[in-house]
Amino acid sequence: MQKYLFFFLLIAMACSCSKPFSNGTAEFSVSTERLNLNAGDTARFSFTGNPDIITFYSGEPGKRFAYRNRVEAQGQPVVNFSTVRANGTQPNTLQLMISSDFKGVVRGDTPSTKSNIAAAVWTDITSRATLSSTGTAAIPSGNIDLSDFAAAGVLVYFAFKYVAAAGSIQPRWTITNFTIRNVLDDGTSYVIGNMNTSNSPYTNYGVTTYSPGFAAYTLQNNFNWSVSTANLMITGATTAGAATAPAEAWLFIGPVNLRKVTPDIGQVIKSGSQSIADLNFYYRYNTAGNYKATFSGGRVSSEESSLTNHTLNLSVQ
């Protein structure tokens, strides 16, 4: 008898495990009092149904349902920074380089890194930038267009190459405000590289991301780049007597996808056991434009997910 009782208990447990963990429904509806608003107005949304979860996408940049899974888009990639040049009169000591086939710096393996630099095809884009000639004021480079290097699926390395001759004082270069951005036709701009060198994140429209970081390598002499979140700096021989040999040092950032963007995100406005009867959601639109306000929600459990989407076209004057 105990054997049969144990058997029936197992069946009961199996049956109970097959029951859904959610009592919610996939279907729901949403409405608003007005589809036409003035900038600064607050839209009020009401709901019916019994979804477990509702996520709201306002339709503003960074909050668009259609781009929730987008990770790259063709735009205009630009790099900009500021420079200060000091010490000596040697010309053409800072070069801006870019490569799509550099294999990177190999930590602790100088021969391999040297070989990788030599084997890569580097394009000199120094002429696209405005660089400091001398003085203490930081000179903006201007927006350096990298569109001709932004092929789909291609990763690039950007490099500062320092070269100085023997026999005279070798310059010091200080670089600040370094940023690589992907600027899209709709006016949105995504940072894809900057001076966050300590694994500290930054955000694009609320989405956390990280810069690829810098790697320095000395090819000739012993002068090297110093890297911090404040600046990138290299100082060569400070006297003619100390400049007994040429200097060459590289500073790399990459690999970088010049088409990179961060996905748009939504705001969860209902979850768990919260009653939809208690849900009156308000959202203020401060900027004029046409917005696709999208609500994605439905039935969600550890065993299943069934969602429906509702979009309201709002016009803000």
C-alpha atoms as a PDB file:
ATOM      1  CA  MET A   1       0.000   0.000   0.000  1.00  0.00           C
ATOM      2  CA  GLN A   2       2.842   2.379   0.877  1.00  0.00           C
ATOM      3  CA  LYS A   3       4.450   1.617  -2.488  1.00  0.00           C
ATOM      4  CA  TYR A   4       1.284   2.675  -4.340  1.00  0.00           C
ATOM      5  CA  LEU A   5       0.873   5.762  -2.160  1.00  0.00           C
ATOM      6  CA  PHE A   6       4.426   6.837  -3.014  1.00  0.00           C
ATOM      7  CA  PHE A   7       3.687   6.264  -6.717  1.00  0.00           C
ATOM      8  CA  PHE A   8       0.581   8.471  -6.601  1.00  0.00           C
ATOM      9  CA  LEU A   9       2.494  11.169  -4.755  1.00  0.00           C
ATOM     10  CA  LEU A  10       5.078  11.227  -7.553  1.00  0.00           C
ATOM     11  CA  ILE A  11       2.311  11.609 -10.146  1.00  0.00           C
ATOM     12  CA  ALA A  12       0.757  14.433  -8.147  1.00  0.00           C
ATOM     13  CA  MET A  13       4.081  16.206  -7.864  1.00  0.00           C
ATOM     14  CA  ALA A  14       4.692  15.847 -11.598  1.00  0.00           C
ATOM     15  CA  CYS A  15       1.262  17.246 -12.357  1.00  0.00           C
ATOM     16  CA  SER A  16       1.765  20.179 -10.011  1.00  0.00           C
ATOM     17  CA  CYS A  17       5.115  20.935 -11.637  1.00  0.00           C
ATOM     18  CA  SER A  18       3.506  21.111 -15.058  1.00  0.00           C
ATOM     19  CA  LYS A  19       1.116  23.851 -13.984  1.00  0.00           C
ATOM     20  CA  PRO A  20       2.054  27.324 -15.172  1.00  0.00           C
ATOM     21  CA  PHE A  21       3.605  29.609 -12.598  1.00  0.00           C
ATOM     22  CA  SER A  22       1.768  32.605 -14.031  1.00  0.00           C
ATOM     23  CA  ASN A  23      -1.902  33.509 -13.920  1.00  0.00           C
ATOM     24  CA  GLY A  24      -1.322  36.438 -16.252  1.00  0.00           C
ATOM     25  CA  THR A  25      -2.492  36.823 -19.840  1.00  0.00           C
ATOM     26  CA  ALA A  26      -0.601  37.607 -22.999  1.00  0.00           C
ATOM     27  CA  GLU A  27      -3.268  40.028 -24.198  1.00  0.00           C
ATOM     28  CA  PHE A  28      -3.822  43.497 -22.814  1.00  0.00           C
ATOM     29  CA  SER A  29      -4.830  46.882 -24.161  1.00  0.00           C
ATOM     30  CA  VAL A  30      -3.599  50.424 -23.673  1.00  0.00           C
ATOM     31  CA  SER A  31      -5.183  53.798 -24.351  1.00  0.00           C
ATOM     32  CA  THR A  32      -4.415  57.447 -23.796  1.00  0.00           C
ATOM     33  CA  GLU A  33      -6.550  60.533 -23.416  1.00  0.00           C
ATOM     34  CA  ARG A  34      -4.779  62.479 -26.196  1.00  0.00           C
ATOM     35  CA  LEU A  35      -2.567  61.581 -29.127  1.00  0.00           C
ATOM     36  CA  ASN A  36      -1.695  65.231 -29.769  1.00  0.00           C
ATOM     37  CA  LEU A  37       0.344  66.999 -27.107  1.00  0.00           C
ATOM     38  CA  ASN A  38       2.278  70.176 -26.589  1.00  0.00           C
ATOM     39  CA  ALA A  39       5.927  70.025 -25.585  1.00  0.00           C
ATOM     40  CA  GLY A  40       6.070  69.686 -21.821  1.00  0.00           C
ATOM     41  CA  ASP A  41       2.679  67.967 -21.611  1.00  0.00           C
ATOM     42  CA  THR A  42       2.252  64.731 -19.695  1.00  0.00           C
ATOM     43  CA  ALA A  43       0.605  61.782 -21.427  1.00  0.00           C
ATOM     44  CA  ARG A  44      -1.591  59.538 -19.260  1.00  0.00           C
ATOM     45  CA  PHE A  45      -1.924  55.883 -20.244  1.00  0.00           C
ATOM     46  CA  SER A  46      -4.562  53.433 -19.040  1.00  0.00           C
ATOM     47  CA  PHE A  47      -4.614  49.640 -19.346  1.00  0.00           C
ATOM     48  CA  THR A  48      -6.942  46.666 -19.333  1.00  0.00           C
ATOM     49  CA  GLY A  49      -6.136  42.965 -19.174  1.00  0.00           C
ATOM     50  CA  ASN A  50      -3.956  40.959 -16.836  1.00  0.00           C
ATOM     51  CA  PRO A  51      -0.342  40.875 -18.115  1.00  0.00           C
ATOM     52  CA  ASP A  52       2.467  39.893 -15.774  1.00  0.00           C
ATOM     53  CA  ILE A  53       4.768  42.578 -17.125  1.00  0.00           C
ATOM     54  CA  ILE A  54       4.628  45.747 -19.225  1.00  0.00           C
ATOM     55  CA  THR A  55       7.701  47.548 -20.591  1.00  0.00           C
ATOM     56  CA  PHE A  56       7.337  51.066 -21.987  1.00  0.00           C
ATOM     57  CA  TYR A  57       9.367  52.535 -24.863  1.00  0.00           C
ATOM     58  CA  SER A  58       8.669  56.262 -25.204  1.00  0.00           C
ATOM     59  CA  GLY A  59       9.871  56.505 -28.809  1.00  0.00           C
ATOM     60  CA  GLU A  60      12.537  59.061 -27.916  1.00  0.00           C
ATOM     61  CA  PRO A  61      16.204  58.516 -28.885  1.00  0.00           C
ATOM     62  CA  GLY A  62      17.562  55.671 -26.799  1.00  0.00           C
ATOM     63  CA  LYS A  63      14.027  54.520 -25.940  1.00  0.00           C
ATOM     64  CA  ARG A  64      12.721  53.147 -29.244  1.00  0.00           C
ATOM     65  CA  PHE A  65      11.181  49.692 -29.375  1.00  0.00           C
ATOM     66  CA  ALA A  66      12.378  49.054 -32.950  1.00  0.00           C
ATOM     67  CA  TYR A  67      16.017  49.461 -31.868  1.00  0.00           C
ATOM     68  CA  ARG A  68      15.951  47.427 -28.655  1.00  0.00           C
ATOM     69  CA  ASN A  69      18.227  44.758 -30.198  1.00  0.00           C
ATOM     70  CA  ARG A  70      20.309  47.014 -32.462  1.00  0.00           C
ATOM     71  CA  VAL A  71      24.067  46.925 -31.826  1.00  0.00           C
ATOM     72  CA  GLU A  72      25.416  48.626 -34.948  1.00  0.00           C
ATOM     73  CA  ALA A  73      24.248  51.178 -37.488  1.00  0.00           C
ATOM     74  CA  GLN A  74      25.866  53.032 -40.356  1.00  0.00           C
ATOM     75  CA  GLY A  75      26.539  56.637 -39.452  1.00  0.00           C
ATOM     76  CA  GLN A  76      29.469  59.043 -39.553  1.00  0.00           C
ATOM     77  CA  PRO A  77      32.247  57.898 -37.210  1.00  0.00           C
ATOM     78  CA  VAL A  78      34.370  60.762 -35.982  1.00  0.00           C
ATOM     79  CA  VAL A  79      37.309  61.052 -33.609  1.00  0.00           C
ATOM     80  CA  ASN A  80      38.256  64.249 -31.843  1.00  0.00           C
ATOM     81  CA  PHE A  81      40.731  65.304 -29.178  1.00  0.00           C
ATOM     82  CA  SER A  82      42.859  68.252 -28.107  1.00  0.00           C
ATOM     83  CA  THR A  83      46.654  68.583 -28.141  1.00  0.00           C
ATOM     84  CA  VAL A  84      49.352  70.675 -26.492  1.00  0.00           C
ATOM     85  CA  ARG A  85      52.877  70.563 -27.917  1.00  0.00           C
ATOM     86  CA  ALA A  86      55.827  71.739 -25.822  1.00  0.00           C
ATOM     87  CA  ASN A  87      59.657  71.547 -25.802  1.00  0.00           C
ATOM     88  CA  GLY A  88      61.927  71.971 -28.789  1.00  0.00           C
ATOM     89  CA  THR A  89      61.252  72.706 -32.430  1.00  0.00           C
ATOM     90  CA  GLN A  90      61.317  69.300 -34.111  1.00  0.00           C
ATOM     91  CA  PRO A  91      58.465  69.140 -36.675  1.00  0.00           C
ATOM     92  CA  ASN A  92      56.045  66.326 -37.483  1.00  0.00           C
ATOM     93  CA  THR A  93      56.628  64.360 -34.304  1.00  0.00           C
ATOM     94  CA  LEU A  94      53.008  63.238 -33.797  1.00  0.00           C
ATOM     95  CA  GLN A  95      51.173  61.151 -36.383  1.00  0.00           C
ATOM     96  CA  LEU A  96      47.632  59.799 -36.402  1.00  0.00           C
ATOM     97  CA  MET A  97      47.363  56.289 -37.780  1.00  0.00           C
ATOM     98  CA  ILE A  98      44.577  53.785 -38.414  1.00  0.00           C
ATOM     99  CA  SER A  99      44.641  50.106 -39.383  1.00  0.00           C
ATOM    100  CA  SER A 100      42.086  47.382 -40.023  1.00  0.00           C
ATOM    101  CA  ASP A 101      44.537  44.478 -39.908  1.00  0.00           C
ATOM    102  CA  PHE A 102      46.693  45.221 -36.854  1.00  0.00           C
ATOM    103  CA  LYS A 103      46.716  42.156 -34.608  1.00  0.00           C
ATOM    104  CA  GLY A 104      47.220  44.091 -31.389  1.00  0.00           C
ATOM    105  CA  VAL A 105      49.754  44.483 -28.613  1.00  0.00           C
ATOM    106  CA  VAL A 106      50.966  41.215 -27.072  1.00  0.00           C
ATOM    107  CA  ARG A 107      51.577  41.857 -23.383  1.00  0.00           C
ATOM    108  CA  GLY A 108      55.034  40.754 -22.282  1.00  0.00           C
ATOM    109  CA  ASP A 109      56.020  39.734 -25.813  1.00  0.00           C
ATOM    110  CA  THR A 110      57.999  42.570 -27.384  1.00  0.00           C
ATOM    111  CA  PRO A 111      59.057  40.720 -30.564  1.00  0.00           C
ATOM    112  CA  SER A 112      55.463  39.746 -31.399  1.00  0.00           C
ATOM    113  CA  THR A 113      54.178  43.286 -30.858  1.00  0.00           C
ATOM    114  CA  LYS A 114      56.968  44.725 -32.992  1.00  0.00           C
ATOM    115  CA  SER A 115      56.159  42.179 -35.702  1.00  0.00           C
ATOM    116  CA  ASN A 116      52.442  43.033 -35.536  1.00  0.00           C
ATOM    117  CA  ILE A 117      53.153  46.742 -35.975  1.00  0.00           C
ATOM    118  CA  ALA A 118      55.422  46.098 -38.947  1.00  0.00           C
ATOM    119  CA  ALA A 119      53.022  43.646 -40.611  1.00  0.00           C
ATOM    120  CA  ALA A 120      49.924  45.864 -40.366  1.00  0.00           C
ATOM    121  CA  VAL A 121      48.836  48.268 -43.079  1.00  0.00           C
ATOM    122  CA  TRP A 122      48.708  51.704 -41.454  1.00  0.00           C
ATOM    123  CA  THR A 123      47.052  54.741 -43.024  1.00  0.00           C
ATOM    124  CA  ASP A 124      48.412  58.111 -41.946  1.00  0.00           C
ATOM    125  CA  ILE A 125      45.453  60.463 -41.325  1.00  0.00           C
ATOM    126  CA  THR A 126      47.431  63.222 -39.579  1.00  0.00           C
ATOM    127  CA  SER A 127      46.431  65.722 -42.246  1.00  0.00           C
ATOM    128  CA  ARG A 128      42.774  65.388 -41.211  1.00  0.00           C
ATOM    129  CA  ALA A 129      43.502  66.861 -37.768  1.00  0.00           C
ATOM    130  CA  THR A 130      44.467  70.248 -36.423  1.00  0.00           C
ATOM    131  CA  LEU A 131      47.418  69.786 -34.069  1.00  0.00           C
ATOM    132  CA  SER A 132      49.095  72.143 -31.622  1.00  0.00           C
ATOM    133  CA  SER A 133      52.204  73.894 -32.926  1.00  0.00           C
ATOM    134  CA  THR A 134      53.453  75.119 -29.563  1.00  0.00           C
ATOM    135  CA  GLY A 135      52.196  76.781 -26.401  1.00  0.00           C
ATOM    136  CA  THR A 136      50.100  75.947 -23.347  1.00  0.00           C
ATOM    137  CA  ALA A 137      46.570  76.183 -24.739  1.00  0.00           C
ATOM    138  CA  ALA A 138      44.907  72.936 -25.823  1.00  0.00           C
ATOM    139  CA  ILE A 139      44.101  72.967 -29.546  1.00  0.00           C
ATOM    140  CA  PRO A 140      40.984  71.025 -30.666  1.00  0.00           C
ATOM    141  CA  SER A 141      41.607  68.616 -33.513  1.00  0.00           C
ATOM    142  CA  GLY A 142      38.197  69.156 -35.068  1.00  0.00           C
ATOM    143  CA  ASN A 143      35.940  66.269 -36.036  1.00  0.00           C
ATOM    144  CA  ILE A 144      38.063  63.769 -37.960  1.00  0.00           C
ATOM    145  CA  ASP A 145      35.824  61.783 -40.291  1.00  0.00           C
ATOM    146  CA  LEU A 146      36.551  58.037 -40.342  1.00  0.00           C
ATOM    147  CA  SER A 147      33.682  57.032 -42.656  1.00  0.00           C
ATOM    148  CA  ASP A 148      36.051  55.532 -45.232  1.00  0.00           C
ATOM    149  CA  PHE A 149      37.194  52.999 -42.618  1.00  0.00           C
ATOM    150  CA  ALA A 150      33.725  52.019 -41.361  1.00  0.00           C
ATOM    151  CA  ALA A 151      33.010  48.936 -43.465  1.00  0.00           C
ATOM    152  CA  ALA A 152      30.516  46.437 -42.075  1.00  0.00           C
ATOM    153  CA  GLY A 153      32.120  43.793 -39.899  1.00  0.00           C
ATOM    154  CA  VAL A 154      35.520  45.522 -39.897  1.00  0.00           C
ATOM    155  CA  LEU A 155      37.294  46.377 -36.646  1.00  0.00           C
ATOM    156  CA  VAL A 156      39.985  49.065 -36.596  1.00  0.00           C
ATOM    157  CA  TYR A 157      42.808  50.244 -34.371  1.00  0.00           C
ATOM    158  CA  PHE A 158      43.486  53.954 -33.974  1.00  0.00           C
ATOM    159  CA  ALA A 159      47.030  54.969 -33.007  1.00  0.00           C
ATOM    160  CA  PHE A 160      49.122  57.954 -32.000  1.00  0.00           C
ATOM    161  CA  LYS A 161      52.662  57.503 -33.287  1.00  0.00           C
ATOM    162  CA  TYR A 162      55.403  59.571 -31.695  1.00  0.00           C
ATOM    163  CA  VAL A 163      58.659  59.977 -33.672  1.00  0.00           C
ATOM    164  CA  ALA A 164      61.550  62.226 -32.676  1.00  0.00           C
ATOM    165  CA  ALA A 165      65.053  62.654 -34.089  1.00  0.00           C
ATOM    166  CA  ALA A 166      68.373  62.517 -32.255  1.00  0.00           C
ATOM    167  CA  GLY A 167      70.529  65.597 -31.684  1.00  0.00           C
ATOM    168  CA  SER A 168      67.980  68.160 -30.460  1.00  0.00           C
ATOM    169  CA  ILE A 169      65.295  68.557 -27.811  1.00  0.00           C
ATOM    170  CA  GLN A 170      62.437  66.124 -28.435  1.00  0.00           C
ATOM    171  CA  PRO A 171      58.879  67.454 -27.995  1.00  0.00           C
ATOM    172  CA  ARG A 172      56.345  66.662 -25.307  1.00  0.00           C
ATOM    173  CA  TRP A 173      52.795  65.960 -26.437  1.00  0.00           C
ATOM    174  CA  THR A 174      49.717  66.058 -24.201  1.00  0.00           C
ATOM    175  CA  ILE A 175      46.407  64.772 -25.537  1.00  0.00           C
ATOM    176  CA  THR A 176      43.078  65.360 -23.792  1.00  0.00           C
ATOM    177  CA  ASN A 177      39.347  64.917 -24.463  1.00  0.00           C
ATOM    178  CA  PHE A 178      39.840  61.928 -26.752  1.00  0.00           C
ATOM    179  CA  THR A 179      36.520  60.561 -28.030  1.00  0.00           C
ATOM    180  CA  ILE A 180      35.399  58.320 -30.894  1.00  0.00           C
ATOM    181  CA  ARG A 181      31.701  58.647 -31.757  1.00  0.00           C
ATOM    182  CA  ASN A 182      29.255  57.224 -34.266  1.00  0.00           C
ATOM    183  CA  VAL A 183      26.875  60.011 -35.323  1.00  0.00           C
ATOM    184  CA  LEU A 184      23.688  58.811 -37.032  1.00  0.00           C
ATOM    185  CA  ASP A 185      21.482  60.624 -39.537  1.00  0.00           C
ATOM    186  CA  ASP A 186      18.725  61.051 -36.933  1.00  0.00           C
ATOM    187  CA  GLY A 187      21.037  63.186 -34.803  1.00  0.00           C
ATOM    188  CA  THR A 188      21.818  60.564 -32.190  1.00  0.00           C
ATOM    189  CA  SER A 189      25.477  60.215 -31.223  1.00  0.00           C
ATOM    190  CA  TYR A 190      27.045  57.137 -29.629  1.00  0.00           C
ATOM    191  CA  VAL A 191      30.390  57.188 -27.824  1.00  0.00           C
ATOM    192  CA  ILE A 192      32.365  54.092 -28.861  1.00  0.00           C
ATOM    193  CA  GLY A 193      35.749  54.973 -27.357  1.00  0.00           C
ATOM    194  CA  ASN A 194      37.087  57.524 -24.892  1.00  0.00           C
ATOM    195  CA  MET A 195      39.616  58.039 -22.092  1.00  0.00           C
ATOM    196  CA  ASN A 196      37.889  55.774 -19.561  1.00  0.00           C
ATOM    197  CA  THR A 197      41.032  53.782 -18.934  1.00  0.00           C
ATOM    198  CA  SER A 198      40.220  52.168 -15.567  1.00  0.00           C
ATOM    199  CA  ASN A 199      37.363  49.906 -16.669  1.00  0.00           C
ATOM    200  CA  SER A 200      34.885  52.529 -15.511  1.00  0.00           C
ATOM    201  CA  PRO A 201      31.696  52.475 -17.585  1.00  0.00           C
ATOM    202  CA  TYR A 202      29.979  55.284 -19.416  1.00  0.00           C
ATOM    203  CA  THR A 203      26.454  55.371 -20.783  1.00  0.00           C
ATOM    204  CA  ASN A 204      24.793  56.009 -24.119  1.00  0.00           C
ATOM    205  CA  TYR A 205      21.138  56.922 -23.570  1.00  0.00           C
ATOM    206  CA  GLY A 206      21.057  54.976 -20.314  1.00  0.00           C
ATOM    207  CA  VAL A 207      22.897  51.871 -21.561  1.00  0.00           C
ATOM    208  CA  THR A 208      26.187  51.058 -19.839  1.00  0.00           C
ATOM    209  CA  THR A 209      29.185  50.364 -22.054  1.00  0.00           C
ATOM    210  CA  TYR A 210      32.992  50.443 -21.880  1.00  0.00           C
ATOM    211  CA  SER A 211      35.841  51.953 -23.866  1.00  0.00           C
ATOM    212  CA  PRO A 212      38.276  49.457 -25.445  1.00  0.00           C
ATOM    213  CA  GLY A 213      41.172  51.107 -23.606  1.00  0.00           C
ATOM    214  CA  PHE A 214      44.722  52.090 -24.577  1.00  0.00           C
ATOM    215  CA  ALA A 215      47.949  50.109 -24.948  1.00  0.00           C
ATOM    216  CA  ALA A 216      51.371  51.761 -25.233  1.00  0.00           C
ATOM    217  CA  TYR A 217      54.469  50.349 -26.895  1.00  0.00           C
ATOM    218  CA  THR A 218      57.991  51.777 -27.296  1.00  0.00           C
ATOM    219  CA  LEU A 219      59.703  50.826 -30.542  1.00  0.00           C
ATOM    220  CA  GLN A 220      62.898  52.930 -30.267  1.00  0.00           C
ATOM    221  CA  ASN A 221      64.613  54.432 -27.212  1.00  0.00           C
ATOM    222  CA  ASN A 222      62.963  54.268 -23.782  1.00  0.00           C
ATOM    223  CA  PHE A 223      60.370  57.059 -23.933  1.00  0.00           C
ATOM    224  CA  ASN A 224      56.808  55.803 -23.601  1.00  0.00           C
ATOM    225  CA  TRP A 225      53.264  57.081 -23.452  1.00  0.00           C
ATOM    226  CA  SER A 226      51.705  57.781 -20.058  1.00  0.00           C
ATOM    227  CA  VAL A 227      47.966  56.998 -19.978  1.00  0.00           C
ATOM    228  CA  SER A 228      45.376  58.265 -17.504  1.00  0.00           C
ATOM    229  CA  THR A 229      41.753  59.366 -17.542  1.00  0.00           C
ATOM    230  CA  ALA A 230      43.018  62.970 -17.529  1.00  0.00           C
ATOM    231  CA  ASN A 231      45.431  62.842 -20.461  1.00  0.00           C
ATOM    232  CA  LEU A 232      47.721  60.900 -22.756  1.00  0.00           C
ATOM    233  CA  MET A 233      51.306  62.194 -22.578  1.00  0.00           C
ATOM    234  CA  ILE A 234      54.756  61.476 -23.925  1.00  0.00           C
ATOM    235  CA  THR A 235      57.979  63.405 -23.278  1.00  0.00           C
ATOM    236  CA  GLY A 236      61.158  62.803 -25.244  1.00  0.00           C
ATOM    237  CA  ALA A 237      64.673  63.977 -24.432  1.00  0.00           C
ATOM    238  CA  THR A 238      64.434  67.349 -22.698  1.00  0.00           C
ATOM    239  CA  THR A 239      67.941  68.470 -23.689  1.00  0.00           C
ATOM    240  CA  ALA A 240      69.935  68.139 -26.874  1.00  0.00           C
ATOM    241  CA  GLY A 241      72.626  66.266 -24.977  1.00  0.00           C
ATOM    242  CA  ALA A 242      70.114  63.654 -23.823  1.00  0.00           C
ATOM    243  CA  ALA A 243      68.800  63.135 -27.357  1.00  0.00           C
ATOM    244  CA  THR A 244      71.449  60.610 -28.288  1.00  0.00           C
ATOM    245  CA  ALA A 245      69.105  58.416 -30.355  1.00  0.00           C
ATOM    246  CA  PRO A 246      65.822  58.656 -32.283  1.00  0.00           C
ATOM    247  CA  ALA A 247      62.618  57.872 -30.387  1.00  0.00           C
ATOM    248  CA  GLU A 248      59.515  56.056 -31.600  1.00  0.00           C
ATOM    249  CA  ALA A 249      56.562  55.094 -29.421  1.00  0.00           C
ATOM    250  CA  TRP A 250      53.005  54.050 -30.278  1.00  0.00           C
ATOM    251  CA  LEU A 251      49.734  54.369 -28.406  1.00  0.00           C
ATOM    252  CA  PHE A 252      46.836  52.208 -29.589  1.00  0.00           C
ATOM    253  CA  ILE A 253      43.120  52.077 -28.907  1.00  0.00           C
ATOM    254  CA  GLY A 254      41.015  49.238 -30.259  1.00  0.00           C
ATOM    255  CA  PRO A 255      39.716  47.129 -31.708  1.00  0.00           C
ATOM    256  CA  VAL A 256      36.816  49.470 -32.482  1.00  0.00           C
ATOM    257  CA  ASN A 257      33.678  48.827 -34.499  1.00  0.00           C
ATOM    258  CA  LEU A 258      33.064  52.225 -36.086  1.00  0.00           C
ATOM    259  CA  ARG A 259      29.402  51.289 -36.645  1.00  0.00           C
ATOM    260  CA  LYS A 260      28.782  50.420 -33.012  1.00  0.00           C
ATOM    261  CA  VAL A 261      25.684  51.681 -31.212  1.00  0.00           C
ATOM    262  CA  THR A 262      24.129  50.645 -27.917  1.00  0.00           C
ATOM    263  CA  PRO A 263      20.639  49.107 -27.910  1.00  0.00           C
ATOM    264  CA  ASP A 264      17.672  51.241 -26.919  1.00  0.00           C
ATOM    265  CA  ILE A 265      16.030  50.403 -23.610  1.00  0.00           C
ATOM    266  CA  GLY A 266      12.561  50.399 -22.151  1.00  0.00           C
ATOM    267  CA  GLN A 267      11.134  51.149 -18.722  1.00  0.00           C
ATOM    268  CA  VAL A 268       9.369  48.357 -16.827  1.00  0.00           C
ATOM    269  CA  ILE A 269       6.136  49.899 -15.539  1.00  0.00           C
ATOM    270  CA  LYS A 270       4.418  46.706 -14.326  1.00  0.00           C
ATOM    271  CA  SER A 271       5.851  43.511 -12.951  1.00  0.00           C
ATOM    272  CA  GLY A 272       5.049  40.706 -10.521  1.00  0.00           C
ATOM    273  CA  SER A 273       1.755  40.750  -8.674  1.00  0.00           C
ATOM    274  CA  GLN A 274       1.071  44.446  -9.206  1.00  0.00           C
ATOM    275  CA  SER A 275      -2.568  44.898 -10.178  1.00  0.00           C
ATOM    276  CA  ILE A 276      -3.200  46.523 -13.524  1.00  0.00           C
ATOM    277  CA  ALA A 277      -6.254  48.178 -11.966  1.00  0.00           C
ATOM    278  CA  ASP A 278      -3.830  50.275  -9.927  1.00  0.00           C
ATOM    279  CA  LEU A 279      -1.684  51.177 -12.938  1.00  0.00           C
ATOM    280  CA  ASN A 280      -2.061  54.710 -14.253  1.00  0.00           C
ATOM    281  CA  PHE A 281       1.141  55.564 -16.042  1.00  0.00           C
ATOM    282  CA  TYR A 282       2.207  59.131 -16.787  1.00  0.00           C
ATOM    283  CA  TYR A 283       5.030  60.287 -19.055  1.00  0.00           C
ATOM    284  CA  ARG A 284       6.161  63.795 -19.981  1.00  0.00           C
ATOM    285  CA  TYR A 285       7.312  64.601 -23.526  1.00  0.00           C
ATOM    286  CA  ASN A 286       9.479  67.721 -23.449  1.00  0.00           C
ATOM    287  CA  THR A 287      10.573  67.889 -27.085  1.00  0.00           C
ATOM    288  CA  ALA A 288       8.403  68.383 -30.168  1.00  0.00           C
ATOM    289  CA  GLY A 289       8.268  65.473 -32.592  1.00  0.00           C
ATOM    290  CA  ASN A 290       6.404  62.330 -33.593  1.00  0.00           C
ATOM    291  CA  TYR A 291       6.840  59.388 -31.226  1.00  0.00           C
ATOM    292  CA  LYS A 292       5.888  55.723 -31.378  1.00  0.00           C
ATOM    293  CA  ALA A 293       5.038  55.004 -27.755  1.00  0.00           C
ATOM    294  CA  THR A 294       5.228  51.222 -27.501  1.00  0.00           C
ATOM    295  CA  PHE A 295       4.098  48.969 -24.674  1.00  0.00           C
ATOM    296  CA  SER A 296       5.392  45.392 -24.712  1.00  0.00           C
ATOM    297  CA  GLY A 297       3.878  43.006 -22.196  1.00  0.00           C
ATOM    298  CA  GLY A 298       2.130  39.773 -21.476  1.00  0.00           C
ATOM    299  CA  ARG A 299       2.493  36.466 -19.756  1.00  0.00           C
ATOM    300  CA  VAL A 300       5.933  35.653 -18.331  1.00  0.00           C
ATOM    301  CA  SER A 301       7.064  32.797 -16.115  1.00  0.00           C
ATOM    302  CA  SER A 302      10.033  30.516 -15.686  1.00  0.00           C
ATOM    303  CA  GLU A 303       8.433  28.139 -18.177  1.00  0.00           C
ATOM    304  CA  GLU A 304       7.071  30.459 -20.857  1.00  0.00           C
ATOM    305  CA  SER A 305       6.957  33.926 -22.307  1.00  0.00           C
ATOM    306  CA  SER A 306       4.138  35.221 -24.480  1.00  0.00           C
ATOM    307  CA  LEU A 307       4.227  38.943 -25.228  1.00  0.00           C
ATOM    308  CA  THR A 308       2.143  41.344 -27.286  1.00  0.00           C
ATOM    309  CA  ASN A 309       3.035  44.869 -28.364  1.00  0.00           C
ATOM    310  CA  HIS A 310       0.861  47.964 -28.628  1.00  0.00           C
ATOM    311  CA  THR A 311       1.990  51.208 -30.259  1.00  0.00           C
ATOM    312  CA  LEU A 312       0.391  54.635 -29.983  1.00  0.00           C
ATOM    313  CA  ASN A 313       1.510  57.329 -32.422  1.00  0.00           C
ATOM    314  CA  LEU A 314       1.913  60.554 -30.489  1.00  0.00           C
ATOM    315  CA  SER A 315       2.414  63.992 -32.012  1.00  0.00           C
ATOM    316  CA  VAL A 316       4.096  66.578 -29.802  1.00  0.00           C
ATOM    317  CA  GLN A 317       3.969  70.171 -31.018  1.00  0.00           C
END
